[in-house]
Amino acid sequence: MNTVQAEYRTDIARLAEDMAKRDAEAAKRDAEAARREVLRTEREATARWWQTAIMLAGFGVVLAGIGVATSLIIN
């Protein structure tokens, strides 16, 4: 009976080790996925910032053009 119990304990220890390895691998995959998500979000935010900056610069040019045209018409 002691041999059977020892085999069971060995099997349980192996199972626990395998489960711990799987959990560690899953945590590693989750961390990598989170890192990729952060990078993607940062890229999108940077792209939106540049789009906004370019749009505002274009709007400023249009307003300057309107101001020049208005001053030419008035003068």
C-alpha atoms as a PDB file:
ATOM      1  CA  MET A   1       0.000   0.000   0.000  1.00  0.00           C
ATOM      2  CA  ASN A   2       2.825   2.406   0.687  1.00  0.00           C
ATOM      3  CA  THR A   3       4.101   1.956  -2.866  1.00  0.00           C
ATOM      4  CA  VAL A   4       0.682   2.827  -4.285  1.00  0.00           C
ATOM      5  CA  GLN A   5       0.420   5.875  -2.048  1.00  0.00           C
ATOM      6  CA  ALA A   6       3.899   6.983  -3.062  1.00  0.00           C
ATOM      7  CA  GLU A   7       2.964   6.642  -6.747  1.00  0.00           C
ATOM      8  CA  TYR A   8      -0.200   8.681  -6.183  1.00  0.00           C
ATOM      9  CA  ARG A   9       1.753  11.373  -4.368  1.00  0.00           C
ATOM     10  CA  THR A  10       4.321  11.428  -7.170  1.00  0.00           C
ATOM     11  CA  ASP A  11       1.549  11.709  -9.756  1.00  0.00           C
ATOM     12  CA  ILE A  12      -0.118  14.506  -7.793  1.00  0.00           C
ATOM     13  CA  ALA A  13       3.198  16.353  -7.497  1.00  0.00           C
ATOM     14  CA  ARG A  14       3.776  16.021 -11.251  1.00  0.00           C
ATOM     15  CA  LEU A  15       0.260  17.226 -11.946  1.00  0.00           C
ATOM     16  CA  ALA A  16       0.756  20.231  -9.671  1.00  0.00           C
ATOM     17  CA  GLU A  17       4.057  21.007 -11.414  1.00  0.00           C
ATOM     18  CA  ASP A  18       2.436  20.774 -14.842  1.00  0.00           C
ATOM     19  CA  MET A  19      -0.405  23.029 -13.722  1.00  0.00           C
ATOM     20  CA  ALA A  20       2.067  25.574 -12.357  1.00  0.00           C
ATOM     21  CA  LYS A  21       3.970  25.535 -15.658  1.00  0.00           C
ATOM     22  CA  ARG A  22       0.759  26.044 -17.621  1.00  0.00           C
ATOM     23  CA  ASP A  23      -0.287  28.888 -15.343  1.00  0.00           C
ATOM     24  CA  ALA A  24       3.119  30.550 -15.750  1.00  0.00           C
ATOM     25  CA  GLU A  25       2.938  30.192 -19.539  1.00  0.00           C
ATOM     26  CA  ALA A  26      -0.588  31.625 -19.580  1.00  0.00           C
ATOM     27  CA  ALA A  27       0.513  34.574 -17.433  1.00  0.00           C
ATOM     28  CA  LYS A  28       3.430  35.157 -19.791  1.00  0.00           C
ATOM     29  CA  ARG A  29       1.109  35.132 -22.826  1.00  0.00           C
ATOM     30  CA  ASP A  30      -1.313  37.497 -21.086  1.00  0.00           C
ATOM     31  CA  ALA A  31       1.506  39.899 -20.220  1.00  0.00           C
ATOM     32  CA  GLU A  32       2.739  39.877 -23.821  1.00  0.00           C
ATOM     33  CA  ALA A  33      -0.795  40.504 -25.117  1.00  0.00           C
ATOM     34  CA  ALA A  34      -1.199  43.399 -22.673  1.00  0.00           C
ATOM     35  CA  ARG A  35       2.140  44.864 -23.796  1.00  0.00           C
ATOM     36  CA  ARG A  36       1.089  44.661 -27.451  1.00  0.00           C
ATOM     37  CA  GLU A  37      -2.234  46.322 -26.610  1.00  0.00           C
ATOM     38  CA  VAL A  38      -0.436  49.194 -24.860  1.00  0.00           C
ATOM     39  CA  LEU A  39       1.846  49.686 -27.865  1.00  0.00           C
ATOM     40  CA  ARG A  40      -1.117  49.648 -30.254  1.00  0.00           C
ATOM     41  CA  THR A  41      -2.995  52.170 -28.126  1.00  0.00           C
ATOM     42  CA  GLU A  42       0.051  54.453 -27.973  1.00  0.00           C
ATOM     43  CA  ARG A  43       0.445  54.309 -31.758  1.00  0.00           C
ATOM     44  CA  GLU A  44      -3.224  55.139 -32.266  1.00  0.00           C
ATOM     45  CA  ALA A  45      -3.026  58.049 -29.817  1.00  0.00           C
ATOM     46  CA  THR A  46       0.058  59.422 -31.575  1.00  0.00           C
ATOM     47  CA  ALA A  47      -1.647  59.126 -34.951  1.00  0.00           C
ATOM     48  CA  ARG A  48      -4.730  60.948 -33.643  1.00  0.00           C
ATOM     49  CA  TRP A  49      -2.542  63.684 -32.161  1.00  0.00           C
ATOM     50  CA  TRP A  50      -0.785  64.256 -35.478  1.00  0.00           C
ATOM     51  CA  GLN A  51      -4.090  64.235 -37.356  1.00  0.00           C
ATOM     52  CA  THR A  52      -5.456  66.862 -34.975  1.00  0.00           C
ATOM     53  CA  ALA A  53      -2.304  68.983 -35.229  1.00  0.00           C
ATOM     54  CA  ILE A  54      -2.352  68.884 -39.029  1.00  0.00           C
ATOM     55  CA  MET A  55      -6.062  69.669 -39.131  1.00  0.00           C
ATOM     56  CA  LEU A  56      -5.623  72.652 -36.808  1.00  0.00           C
ATOM     57  CA  ALA A  57      -2.659  73.919 -38.825  1.00  0.00           C
ATOM     58  CA  GLY A  58      -4.734  73.652 -41.994  1.00  0.00           C
ATOM     59  CA  PHE A  59      -7.582  75.479 -40.305  1.00  0.00           C
ATOM     60  CA  GLY A  60      -5.137  78.223 -39.275  1.00  0.00           C
ATOM     61  CA  VAL A  61      -3.949  78.584 -42.869  1.00  0.00           C
ATOM     62  CA  VAL A  62      -7.537  78.870 -44.074  1.00  0.00           C
ATOM     63  CA  LEU A  63      -8.309  81.540 -41.475  1.00  0.00           C
ATOM     64  CA  ALA A  64      -5.157  83.448 -42.420  1.00  0.00           C
ATOM     65  CA  GLY A  65      -6.209  83.287 -46.063  1.00  0.00           C
ATOM     66  CA  ILE A  66      -9.644  84.612 -45.191  1.00  0.00           C
ATOM     67  CA  GLY A  67      -8.041  87.412 -43.177  1.00  0.00           C
ATOM     68  CA  VAL A  68      -5.766  88.388 -46.078  1.00  0.00           C
ATOM     69  CA  ALA A  69      -8.654  88.276 -48.542  1.00  0.00           C
ATOM     70  CA  THR A  70     -10.808  90.387 -46.233  1.00  0.00           C
ATOM     71  CA  SER A  71      -8.087  92.994 -45.767  1.00  0.00           C
ATOM     72  CA  LEU A  72      -7.549  93.163 -49.536  1.00  0.00           C
ATOM     73  CA  ILE A  73     -11.255  93.639 -50.137  1.00  0.00           C
ATOM     74  CA  ILE A  74     -11.526  96.323 -47.458  1.00  0.00           C
ATOM     75  CA  ASN A  75      -8.466  98.193 -48.687  1.00  0.00           C
END
